[in-house]
Amino acid sequence: MLDTNSVSYALGGNPPSVREHLRRVPMAQVCFSSITEAQLLFGLAVKTQATKFAELVNQFLLGVSVLPWDSAAAKAYADLCAASWKAGPPPSPPWTRSWRLMPRG
């Protein structure tokens, strides 16, 4: 099971060792949670200029098993996070602190 960073590293090719390791694993054995799916979709929603990466992510999503928290919930989460991020960070939850560091565009 891959986490969001592992997927990003593998698709982005940095570090190259992550992509190479993933290439040696049969795709039938690769999975991630729908939370990871949601985080990837959120990243694409707020970085609309990353079209090449979006293609890689979307192709990857087609070939990998996503384990439950269903896809509708993941999409809703991504849309809500993107809308919230564009409006500015919420005032208190600690996980939003890193949003203040992300460039807004």
PDB file of N, CA and C in Angstrom:
ATOM      1  N   MET A   1       0.857  -1.182   0.000  1.00  0.00           N
ATOM      2  CA  MET A   1       0.000   0.000   0.000  1.00  0.00           C
ATOM      3  C   MET A   1       0.894   1.233   0.000  1.00  0.00           C
ATOM      4  N   LEU A   2       0.634   2.100  -0.975  1.00  0.00           N
ATOM      5  CA  LEU A   2       1.417   3.317  -1.118  1.00  0.00           C
ATOM      6  C   LEU A   2       0.747   4.488  -0.413  1.00  0.00           C
ATOM      7  N   ASP A   3       1.558   5.386   0.103  1.00  0.00           N
ATOM      8  CA  ASP A   3       1.003   6.631   0.632  1.00  0.00           C
ATOM      9  C   ASP A   3       1.145   7.712  -0.431  1.00  0.00           C
ATOM     10  N   THR A   4       0.640   8.890  -0.144  1.00  0.00           N
ATOM     11  CA  THR A   4       0.630   9.982  -1.120  1.00  0.00           C
ATOM     12  C   THR A   4       2.035  10.355  -1.570  1.00  0.00           C
ATOM     13  N   ASN A   5       2.968  10.464  -0.640  1.00  0.00           N
ATOM     14  CA  ASN A   5       4.336  10.820  -1.012  1.00  0.00           C
ATOM     15  C   ASN A   5       4.958   9.777  -1.923  1.00  0.00           C
ATOM     16  N   SER A   6       4.736   8.494  -1.618  1.00  0.00           N
ATOM     17  CA  SER A   6       5.303   7.430  -2.458  1.00  0.00           C
ATOM     18  C   SER A   6       4.779   7.513  -3.882  1.00  0.00           C
ATOM     19  N   VAL A   7       3.483   7.762  -4.032  1.00  0.00           N
ATOM     20  CA  VAL A   7       2.905   7.896  -5.370  1.00  0.00           C
ATOM     21  C   VAL A   7       3.506   9.102  -6.083  1.00  0.00           C
ATOM     22  N   SER A   8       3.597  10.222  -5.390  1.00  0.00           N
ATOM     23  CA  SER A   8       4.167  11.437  -5.992  1.00  0.00           C
ATOM     24  C   SER A   8       5.616  11.219  -6.403  1.00  0.00           C
ATOM     25  N   TYR A   9       6.395  10.575  -5.533  1.00  0.00           N
ATOM     26  CA  TYR A   9       7.794  10.298  -5.862  1.00  0.00           C
ATOM     27  C   TYR A   9       7.894   9.373  -7.066  1.00  0.00           C
ATOM     28  N   ALA A  10       7.066   8.318  -7.071  1.00  0.00           N
ATOM     29  CA  ALA A  10       7.120   7.350  -8.174  1.00  0.00           C
ATOM     30  C   ALA A  10       6.739   8.000  -9.496  1.00  0.00           C
ATOM     31  N   LEU A  11       5.674   8.780  -9.490  1.00  0.00           N
ATOM     32  CA  LEU A  11       5.224   9.403 -10.737  1.00  0.00           C
ATOM     33  C   LEU A  11       6.137  10.535 -11.169  1.00  0.00           C
ATOM     34  N   GLY A  12       6.685  11.251 -10.214  1.00  0.00           N
ATOM     35  CA  GLY A  12       7.583  12.364 -10.535  1.00  0.00           C
ATOM     36  C   GLY A  12       9.008  11.914 -10.834  1.00  0.00           C
ATOM     37  N   GLY A  13       9.339  10.684 -10.451  1.00  0.00           N
ATOM     38  CA  GLY A  13      10.668  10.152 -10.733  1.00  0.00           C
ATOM     39  C   GLY A  13      11.761  10.691  -9.828  1.00  0.00           C
ATOM     40  N   ASN A  14      11.398  11.253  -8.695  1.00  0.00           N
ATOM     41  CA  ASN A  14      12.401  11.815  -7.802  1.00  0.00           C
ATOM     42  C   ASN A  14      12.076  11.424  -6.367  1.00  0.00           C
ATOM     43  N   PRO A  15      12.858  10.615  -5.712  1.00  0.00           N
ATOM     44  CA  PRO A  15      14.108  10.040  -6.197  1.00  0.00           C
ATOM     45  C   PRO A  15      13.832   8.877  -7.160  1.00  0.00           C
ATOM     46  N   PRO A  16      14.727   8.665  -8.088  1.00  0.00           N
ATOM     47  CA  PRO A  16      14.532   7.618  -9.100  1.00  0.00           C
ATOM     48  C   PRO A  16      14.360   6.219  -8.512  1.00  0.00           C
ATOM     49  N   SER A  17      14.921   5.965  -7.345  1.00  0.00           N
ATOM     50  CA  SER A  17      14.843   4.634  -6.739  1.00  0.00           C
ATOM     51  C   SER A  17      13.396   4.230  -6.434  1.00  0.00           C
ATOM     52  N   VAL A  18      12.540   5.193  -6.107  1.00  0.00           N
ATOM     53  CA  VAL A  18      11.147   4.864  -5.806  1.00  0.00           C
ATOM     54  C   VAL A  18      10.447   4.377  -7.070  1.00  0.00           C
ATOM     55  N   ARG A  19      10.630   5.091  -8.164  1.00  0.00           N
ATOM     56  CA  ARG A  19      10.011   4.674  -9.432  1.00  0.00           C
ATOM     57  C   ARG A  19      10.545   3.306  -9.866  1.00  0.00           C
ATOM     58  N   GLU A  20      11.838   3.109  -9.755  1.00  0.00           N
ATOM     59  CA  GLU A  20      12.432   1.834 -10.159  1.00  0.00           C
ATOM     60  C   GLU A  20      11.910   0.687  -9.303  1.00  0.00           C
ATOM     61  N   HIS A  21      11.781   0.909  -8.020  1.00  0.00           N
ATOM     62  CA  HIS A  21      11.245  -0.139  -7.148  1.00  0.00           C
ATOM     63  C   HIS A  21       9.804  -0.463  -7.537  1.00  0.00           C
ATOM     64  N   LEU A  22       9.000   0.542  -7.766  1.00  0.00           N
ATOM     65  CA  LEU A  22       7.599   0.321  -8.128  1.00  0.00           C
ATOM     66  C   LEU A  22       7.475  -0.420  -9.458  1.00  0.00           C
ATOM     67  N   ARG A  23       8.367  -0.159 -10.380  1.00  0.00           N
ATOM     68  CA  ARG A  23       8.318  -0.859 -11.679  1.00  0.00           C
ATOM     69  C   ARG A  23       8.545  -2.357 -11.529  1.00  0.00           C
ATOM     70  N   ARG A  24       9.225  -2.761 -10.466  1.00  0.00           N
ATOM     71  CA  ARG A  24       9.499  -4.187 -10.249  1.00  0.00           C
ATOM     72  C   ARG A  24       8.342  -4.906  -9.553  1.00  0.00           C
ATOM     73  N   VAL A  25       7.359  -4.166  -9.078  1.00  0.00           N
ATOM     74  CA  VAL A  25       6.226  -4.766  -8.368  1.00  0.00           C
ATOM     75  C   VAL A  25       5.061  -4.919  -9.347  1.00  0.00           C
ATOM     76  N   PRO A  26       4.467  -6.108  -9.436  1.00  0.00           N
ATOM     77  CA  PRO A  26       3.305  -6.277 -10.312  1.00  0.00           C
ATOM     78  C   PRO A  26       2.175  -5.322  -9.897  1.00  0.00           C
ATOM     79  N   MET A  27       1.562  -4.661 -10.873  1.00  0.00           N
ATOM     80  CA  MET A  27       0.517  -3.684 -10.573  1.00  0.00           C
ATOM     81  C   MET A  27      -0.640  -4.295  -9.785  1.00  0.00           C
ATOM     82  N   ALA A  28      -0.886  -5.585  -9.949  1.00  0.00           N
ATOM     83  CA  ALA A  28      -1.952  -6.246  -9.200  1.00  0.00           C
ATOM     84  C   ALA A  28      -1.665  -6.248  -7.698  1.00  0.00           C
ATOM     85  N   GLN A  29      -0.411  -6.028  -7.329  1.00  0.00           N
ATOM     86  CA  GLN A  29      -0.030  -6.003  -5.918  1.00  0.00           C
ATOM     87  C   GLN A  29       0.082  -4.577  -5.370  1.00  0.00           C
ATOM     88  N   VAL A  30      -0.190  -3.578  -6.201  1.00  0.00           N
ATOM     89  CA  VAL A  30      -0.074  -2.183  -5.785  1.00  0.00           C
ATOM     90  C   VAL A  30      -1.458  -1.649  -5.434  1.00  0.00           C
ATOM     91  N   CYS A  31      -1.540  -0.954  -4.312  1.00  0.00           N
ATOM     92  CA  CYS A  31      -2.801  -0.329  -3.923  1.00  0.00           C
ATOM     93  C   CYS A  31      -2.498   0.895  -3.067  1.00  0.00           C
ATOM     94  N   PHE A  32      -3.509   1.693  -2.859  1.00  0.00           N
ATOM     95  CA  PHE A  32      -3.436   2.770  -1.881  1.00  0.00           C
ATOM     96  C   PHE A  32      -4.841   3.053  -1.396  1.00  0.00           C
ATOM     97  N   SER A  33      -4.933   3.803  -0.335  1.00  0.00           N
ATOM     98  CA  SER A  33      -6.254   4.093   0.227  1.00  0.00           C
ATOM     99  C   SER A  33      -6.919   5.214  -0.552  1.00  0.00           C
ATOM    100  N   SER A  34      -8.202   5.307  -0.409  1.00  0.00           N
ATOM    101  CA  SER A  34      -8.900   6.401  -1.072  1.00  0.00           C
ATOM    102  C   SER A  34      -8.550   7.744  -0.446  1.00  0.00           C
ATOM    103  N   ILE A  35      -7.972   7.736   0.745  1.00  0.00           N
ATOM    104  CA  ILE A  35      -7.458   8.985   1.325  1.00  0.00           C
ATOM    105  C   ILE A  35      -6.289   9.479   0.473  1.00  0.00           C
ATOM    106  N   THR A  36      -5.418   8.561   0.073  1.00  0.00           N
ATOM    107  CA  THR A  36      -4.318   8.927  -0.822  1.00  0.00           C
ATOM    108  C   THR A  36      -4.873   9.421  -2.150  1.00  0.00           C
ATOM    109  N   GLU A  37      -5.899   8.741  -2.662  1.00  0.00           N
ATOM    110  CA  GLU A  37      -6.542   9.198  -3.893  1.00  0.00           C
ATOM    111  C   GLU A  37      -7.045  10.632  -3.719  1.00  0.00           C
ATOM    112  N   ALA A  38      -7.706  10.895  -2.593  1.00  0.00           N
ATOM    113  CA  ALA A  38      -8.238  12.234  -2.331  1.00  0.00           C
ATOM    114  C   ALA A  38      -7.128  13.270  -2.270  1.00  0.00           C
ATOM    115  N   GLN A  39      -6.022  12.935  -1.625  1.00  0.00           N
ATOM    116  CA  GLN A  39      -4.911  13.879  -1.527  1.00  0.00           C
ATOM    117  C   GLN A  39      -4.290  14.156  -2.889  1.00  0.00           C
ATOM    118  N   LEU A  40      -4.189  13.141  -3.721  1.00  0.00           N
ATOM    119  CA  LEU A  40      -3.678  13.344  -5.080  1.00  0.00           C
ATOM    120  C   LEU A  40      -4.620  14.244  -5.883  1.00  0.00           C
ATOM    121  N   LEU A  41      -5.927  13.982  -5.792  1.00  0.00           N
ATOM    122  CA  LEU A  41      -6.903  14.800  -6.512  1.00  0.00           C
ATOM    123  C   LEU A  41      -6.914  16.236  -6.010  1.00  0.00           C
ATOM    124  N   PHE A  42      -6.754  16.418  -4.718  1.00  0.00           N
ATOM    125  CA  PHE A  42      -6.662  17.763  -4.151  1.00  0.00           C
ATOM    126  C   PHE A  42      -5.448  18.488  -4.721  1.00  0.00           C
ATOM    127  N   GLY A  43      -4.308  17.809  -4.755  1.00  0.00           N
ATOM    128  CA  GLY A  43      -3.105  18.414  -5.312  1.00  0.00           C
ATOM    129  C   GLY A  43      -3.301  18.854  -6.749  1.00  0.00           C
ATOM    130  N   LEU A  44      -3.982  18.027  -7.545  1.00  0.00           N
ATOM    131  CA  LEU A  44      -4.252  18.389  -8.937  1.00  0.00           C
ATOM    132  C   LEU A  44      -5.226  19.553  -9.034  1.00  0.00           C
ATOM    133  N   ALA A  45      -6.188  19.595  -8.106  1.00  0.00           N
ATOM    134  CA  ALA A  45      -7.194  20.663  -8.140  1.00  0.00           C
ATOM    135  C   ALA A  45      -6.590  22.032  -7.849  1.00  0.00           C
ATOM    136  N   VAL A  46      -5.574  22.072  -7.000  1.00  0.00           N
ATOM    137  CA  VAL A  46      -4.985  23.371  -6.650  1.00  0.00           C
ATOM    138  C   VAL A  46      -3.759  23.715  -7.489  1.00  0.00           C
ATOM    139  N   LYS A  47      -3.251  22.745  -8.228  1.00  0.00           N
ATOM    140  CA  LYS A  47      -2.103  22.997  -9.112  1.00  0.00           C
ATOM    141  C   LYS A  47      -2.517  22.695 -10.539  1.00  0.00           C
ATOM    142  N   THR A  48      -3.442  23.488 -11.038  1.00  0.00           N
ATOM    143  CA  THR A  48      -4.027  23.229 -12.346  1.00  0.00           C
ATOM    144  C   THR A  48      -3.018  23.340 -13.483  1.00  0.00           C
ATOM    145  N   GLN A  49      -1.895  23.999 -13.256  1.00  0.00           N
ATOM    146  CA  GLN A  49      -0.882  24.131 -14.301  1.00  0.00           C
ATOM    147  C   GLN A  49      -0.061  22.855 -14.476  1.00  0.00           C
ATOM    148  N   ALA A  50      -0.188  21.902 -13.562  1.00  0.00           N
ATOM    149  CA  ALA A  50       0.591  20.667 -13.617  1.00  0.00           C
ATOM    150  C   ALA A  50      -0.109  19.632 -14.495  1.00  0.00           C
ATOM    151  N   THR A  51      -0.321  19.960 -15.759  1.00  0.00           N
ATOM    152  CA  THR A  51      -1.115  19.090 -16.632  1.00  0.00           C
ATOM    153  C   THR A  51      -0.420  17.763 -16.941  1.00  0.00           C
ATOM    154  N   LYS A  52       0.891  17.774 -17.113  1.00  0.00           N
ATOM    155  CA  LYS A  52       1.609  16.526 -17.395  1.00  0.00           C
ATOM    156  C   LYS A  52       1.523  15.588 -16.194  1.00  0.00           C
ATOM    157  N   PHE A  53       1.713  16.140 -14.999  1.00  0.00           N
ATOM    158  CA  PHE A  53       1.608  15.333 -13.796  1.00  0.00           C
ATOM    159  C   PHE A  53       0.179  14.831 -13.614  1.00  0.00           C
ATOM    160  N   ALA A  54      -0.805  15.666 -13.954  1.00  0.00           N
ATOM    161  CA  ALA A  54      -2.210  15.264 -13.856  1.00  0.00           C
ATOM    162  C   ALA A  54      -2.478  14.048 -14.742  1.00  0.00           C
ATOM    163  N   GLU A  55      -1.918  14.042 -15.931  1.00  0.00           N
ATOM    164  CA  GLU A  55      -2.073  12.884 -16.821  1.00  0.00           C
ATOM    165  C   GLU A  55      -1.490  11.631 -16.187  1.00  0.00           C
ATOM    166  N   LEU A  56      -0.295  11.751 -15.599  1.00  0.00           N
ATOM    167  CA  LEU A  56       0.339  10.606 -14.941  1.00  0.00           C
ATOM    168  C   LEU A  56      -0.515  10.099 -13.791  1.00  0.00           C
ATOM    169  N   VAL A  57      -1.004  11.012 -12.973  1.00  0.00           N
ATOM    170  CA  VAL A  57      -1.824  10.619 -11.828  1.00  0.00           C
ATOM    171  C   VAL A  57      -3.100   9.937 -12.312  1.00  0.00           C
ATOM    172  N   ASN A  58      -3.772  10.520 -13.277  1.00  0.00           N
ATOM    173  CA  ASN A  58      -5.022   9.938 -13.770  1.00  0.00           C
ATOM    174  C   ASN A  58      -4.816   8.560 -14.383  1.00  0.00           C
ATOM    175  N   GLN A  59      -3.736   8.367 -15.115  1.00  0.00           N
ATOM    176  CA  GLN A  59      -3.430   7.046 -15.660  1.00  0.00           C
ATOM    177  C   GLN A  59      -3.120   6.050 -14.555  1.00  0.00           C
ATOM    178  N   PHE A  60      -2.381   6.509 -13.568  1.00  0.00           N
ATOM    179  CA  PHE A  60      -2.035   5.654 -12.435  1.00  0.00           C
ATOM    180  C   PHE A  60      -3.297   5.237 -11.678  1.00  0.00           C
ATOM    181  N   LEU A  61      -4.217   6.184 -11.493  1.00  0.00           N
ATOM    182  CA  LEU A  61      -5.472   5.876 -10.799  1.00  0.00           C
ATOM    183  C   LEU A  61      -6.274   4.791 -11.517  1.00  0.00           C
ATOM    184  N   LEU A  62      -6.170   4.745 -12.838  1.00  0.00           N
ATOM    185  CA  LEU A  62      -6.897   3.729 -13.604  1.00  0.00           C
ATOM    186  C   LEU A  62      -6.355   2.321 -13.390  1.00  0.00           C
ATOM    187  N   GLY A  63      -5.061   2.212 -13.050  1.00  0.00           N
ATOM    188  CA  GLY A  63      -4.442   0.898 -12.978  1.00  0.00           C
ATOM    189  C   GLY A  63      -4.153   0.369 -11.591  1.00  0.00           C
ATOM    190  N   VAL A  64      -4.555   1.098 -10.550  1.00  0.00           N
ATOM    191  CA  VAL A  64      -4.214   0.711  -9.185  1.00  0.00           C
ATOM    192  C   VAL A  64      -5.490   0.519  -8.370  1.00  0.00           C
ATOM    193  N   SER A  65      -5.459  -0.468  -7.490  1.00  0.00           N
ATOM    194  CA  SER A  65      -6.594  -0.696  -6.590  1.00  0.00           C
ATOM    195  C   SER A  65      -6.628   0.380  -5.512  1.00  0.00           C
ATOM    196  N   VAL A  66      -7.798   0.965  -5.340  1.00  0.00           N
ATOM    197  CA  VAL A  66      -8.005   1.960  -4.284  1.00  0.00           C
ATOM    198  C   VAL A  66      -8.895   1.303  -3.233  1.00  0.00           C
ATOM    199  N   LEU A  67      -8.390   1.255  -2.021  1.00  0.00           N
ATOM    200  CA  LEU A  67      -9.134   0.598  -0.959  1.00  0.00           C
ATOM    201  C   LEU A  67     -10.099   1.567  -0.280  1.00  0.00           C
ATOM    202  N   PRO A  68     -11.176   1.050   0.293  1.00  0.00           N
ATOM    203  CA  PRO A  68     -12.309   1.857   0.723  1.00  0.00           C
ATOM    204  C   PRO A  68     -12.040   3.089   1.578  1.00  0.00           C
ATOM    205  N   TRP A  69     -12.727   3.923   1.438  1.00  0.00           N
ATOM    206  CA  TRP A  69     -13.350   5.211   1.656  1.00  0.00           C
ATOM    207  C   TRP A  69     -13.633   5.509   0.206  1.00  0.00           C
ATOM    208  N   ASP A  70     -14.851   5.390  -0.213  1.00  0.00           N
ATOM    209  CA  ASP A  70     -15.154   5.309  -1.637  1.00  0.00           C
ATOM    210  C   ASP A  70     -14.724   6.542  -2.430  1.00  0.00           C
ATOM    211  N   SER A  71     -14.658   6.368  -3.732  1.00  0.00           N
ATOM    212  CA  SER A  71     -14.163   7.422  -4.621  1.00  0.00           C
ATOM    213  C   SER A  71     -15.021   8.682  -4.598  1.00  0.00           C
ATOM    214  N   ALA A  72     -16.325   8.526  -4.401  1.00  0.00           N
ATOM    215  CA  ALA A  72     -17.183   9.717  -4.307  1.00  0.00           C
ATOM    216  C   ALA A  72     -16.783  10.560  -3.100  1.00  0.00           C
ATOM    217  N   ALA A  73     -16.465   9.893  -1.995  1.00  0.00           N
ATOM    218  CA  ALA A  73     -16.016  10.617  -0.805  1.00  0.00           C
ATOM    219  C   ALA A  73     -14.659  11.274  -1.057  1.00  0.00           C
ATOM    220  N   ALA A  74     -13.779  10.587  -1.762  1.00  0.00           N
ATOM    221  CA  ALA A  74     -12.463  11.152  -2.070  1.00  0.00           C
ATOM    222  C   ALA A  74     -12.582  12.400  -2.932  1.00  0.00           C
ATOM    223  N   LYS A  75     -13.452  12.355  -3.942  1.00  0.00           N
ATOM    224  CA  LYS A  75     -13.657  13.512  -4.823  1.00  0.00           C
ATOM    225  C   LYS A  75     -14.268  14.672  -4.049  1.00  0.00           C
ATOM    226  N   ALA A  76     -15.253  14.360  -3.216  1.00  0.00           N
ATOM    227  CA  ALA A  76     -15.876  15.409  -2.409  1.00  0.00           C
ATOM    228  C   ALA A  76     -14.857  16.040  -1.476  1.00  0.00           C
ATOM    229  N   TYR A  77     -14.021  15.216  -0.877  1.00  0.00           N
ATOM    230  CA  TYR A  77     -12.957  15.712  -0.007  1.00  0.00           C
ATOM    231  C   TYR A  77     -12.012  16.634  -0.773  1.00  0.00           C
ATOM    232  N   ALA A  78     -11.599  16.193  -1.949  1.00  0.00           N
ATOM    233  CA  ALA A  78     -10.676  16.996  -2.759  1.00  0.00           C
ATOM    234  C   ALA A  78     -11.298  18.337  -3.134  1.00  0.00           C
ATOM    235  N   ASP A  79     -12.554  18.312  -3.554  1.00  0.00           N
ATOM    236  CA  ASP A  79     -13.238  19.557  -3.928  1.00  0.00           C
ATOM    237  C   ASP A  79     -13.378  20.497  -2.735  1.00  0.00           C
ATOM    238  N   LEU A  80     -13.758  19.932  -1.584  1.00  0.00           N
ATOM    239  CA  LEU A  80     -13.906  20.762  -0.381  1.00  0.00           C
ATOM    240  C   LEU A  80     -12.566  21.339   0.065  1.00  0.00           C
ATOM    241  N   CYS A  81     -11.527  20.525   0.038  1.00  0.00           N
ATOM    242  CA  CYS A  81     -10.201  21.016   0.430  1.00  0.00           C
ATOM    243  C   CYS A  81      -9.716  22.096  -0.529  1.00  0.00           C
ATOM    244  N   ALA A  82      -9.924  21.893  -1.815  1.00  0.00           N
ATOM    245  CA  ALA A  82      -9.494  22.883  -2.808  1.00  0.00           C
ATOM    246  C   ALA A  82     -10.231  24.198  -2.605  1.00  0.00           C
ATOM    247  N   ALA A  83     -11.537  24.130  -2.395  1.00  0.00           N
ATOM    248  CA  ALA A  83     -12.321  25.353  -2.176  1.00  0.00           C
ATOM    249  C   ALA A  83     -11.873  26.050  -0.898  1.00  0.00           C
ATOM    250  N   SER A  84     -11.629  25.269   0.146  1.00  0.00           N
ATOM    251  CA  SER A  84     -11.172  25.844   1.413  1.00  0.00           C
ATOM    252  C   SER A  84      -9.789  26.459   1.262  1.00  0.00           C
ATOM    253  N   TRP A  85      -8.912  25.773   0.563  1.00  0.00           N
ATOM    254  CA  TRP A  85      -7.543  26.262   0.369  1.00  0.00           C
ATOM    255  C   TRP A  85      -7.546  27.577  -0.406  1.00  0.00           C
ATOM    256  N   LYS A  86      -8.378  27.648  -1.430  1.00  0.00           N
ATOM    257  CA  LYS A  86      -8.451  28.870  -2.236  1.00  0.00           C
ATOM    258  C   LYS A  86      -9.013  30.037  -1.427  1.00  0.00           C
ATOM    259  N   ALA A  87      -9.887  29.729  -0.458  1.00  0.00           N
ATOM    260  CA  ALA A  87     -10.487  30.775   0.381  1.00  0.00           C
ATOM    261  C   ALA A  87      -9.539  31.201   1.502  1.00  0.00           C
ATOM    262  N   GLY A  88      -8.544  30.398   1.783  1.00  0.00           N
ATOM    263  CA  GLY A  88      -7.621  30.679   2.883  1.00  0.00           C
ATOM    264  C   GLY A  88      -7.709  29.567   3.907  1.00  0.00           C
ATOM    265  N   PRO A  89      -6.652  29.380   4.671  1.00  0.00           N
ATOM    266  CA  PRO A  89      -6.632  28.256   5.613  1.00  0.00           C
ATOM    267  C   PRO A  89      -7.639  28.436   6.747  1.00  0.00           C
ATOM    268  N   PRO A  90      -8.236  27.327   7.195  1.00  0.00           N
ATOM    269  CA  PRO A  90      -9.096  27.390   8.374  1.00  0.00           C
ATOM    270  C   PRO A  90      -8.277  27.854   9.583  1.00  0.00           C
ATOM    271  N   PRO A  91      -8.921  28.415  10.574  1.00  0.00           N
ATOM    272  CA  PRO A  91      -8.189  29.036  11.657  1.00  0.00           C
ATOM    273  C   PRO A  91      -7.442  28.116  12.612  1.00  0.00           C
ATOM    274  N   SER A  92      -7.907  26.866  12.839  1.00  0.00           N
ATOM    275  CA  SER A  92      -7.285  26.146  13.928  1.00  0.00           C
ATOM    276  C   SER A  92      -6.705  24.766  13.690  1.00  0.00           C
ATOM    277  N   PRO A  93      -7.269  23.883  12.883  1.00  0.00           N
ATOM    278  CA  PRO A  93      -6.725  22.523  12.847  1.00  0.00           C
ATOM    279  C   PRO A  93      -5.247  22.505  12.469  1.00  0.00           C
ATOM    280  N   PRO A  94      -4.449  21.728  13.220  1.00  0.00           N
ATOM    281  CA  PRO A  94      -2.998  21.729  12.982  1.00  0.00           C
ATOM    282  C   PRO A  94      -2.594  21.272  11.588  1.00  0.00           C
ATOM    283  N   TRP A  95      -3.381  20.387  10.964  1.00  0.00           N
ATOM    284  CA  TRP A  95      -2.995  19.897   9.640  1.00  0.00           C
ATOM    285  C   TRP A  95      -3.089  20.982   8.589  1.00  0.00           C
ATOM    286  N   THR A  96      -3.712  22.119   8.894  1.00  0.00           N
ATOM    287  CA  THR A  96      -3.824  23.196   7.915  1.00  0.00           C
ATOM    288  C   THR A  96      -2.638  24.142   7.960  1.00  0.00           C
ATOM    289  N   ARG A  97      -1.799  24.009   8.961  1.00  0.00           N
ATOM    290  CA  ARG A  97      -0.666  24.940   9.081  1.00  0.00           C
ATOM    291  C   ARG A  97       0.214  24.936   7.844  1.00  0.00           C
ATOM    292  N   SER A  98       0.414  23.770   7.255  1.00  0.00           N
ATOM    293  CA  SER A  98       1.268  23.702   6.066  1.00  0.00           C
ATOM    294  C   SER A  98       0.639  24.425   4.888  1.00  0.00           C
ATOM    295  N   TRP A  99      -0.689  24.602   4.878  1.00  0.00           N
ATOM    296  CA  TRP A  99      -1.350  25.302   3.785  1.00  0.00           C
ATOM    297  C   TRP A  99      -0.871  26.743   3.707  1.00  0.00           C
ATOM    298  N   ARG A 100      -0.538  27.324   4.853  1.00  0.00           N
ATOM    299  CA  ARG A 100      -0.083  28.707   4.867  1.00  0.00           C
ATOM    300  C   ARG A 100       1.233  28.861   4.088  1.00  0.00           C
ATOM    301  N   LEU A 101       1.969  27.774   3.972  1.00  0.00           N
ATOM    302  CA  LEU A 101       3.258  27.805   3.296  1.00  0.00           C
ATOM    303  C   LEU A 101       3.131  27.569   1.793  1.00  0.00           C
ATOM    304  N   MET A 102       1.968  27.072   1.356  1.00  0.00           N
ATOM    305  CA  MET A 102       1.777  26.772  -0.064  1.00  0.00           C
ATOM    306  C   MET A 102       1.488  28.063  -0.838  1.00  0.00           C
ATOM    307  N   PRO A 103       2.157  28.251  -1.967  1.00  0.00           N
ATOM    308  CA  PRO A 103       1.865  29.450  -2.773  1.00  0.00           C
ATOM    309  C   PRO A 103       0.446  29.386  -3.322  1.00  0.00           C
ATOM    310  N   ARG A 104      -0.215  30.474  -3.323  1.00  0.00           N
ATOM    311  CA  ARG A 104      -1.576  30.541  -3.857  1.00  0.00           C
ATOM    312  C   ARG A 104      -1.508  31.106  -5.272  1.00  0.00           C
ATOM    313  N   GLY A 105      -2.274  30.508  -6.178  1.00  0.00           N
ATOM    314  CA  GLY A 105      -2.171  30.986  -7.532  1.00  0.00           C
ATOM    315  C   GLY A 105      -3.400  30.951  -8.245  1.00  0.00           C
TER     316      GLY A 105
END
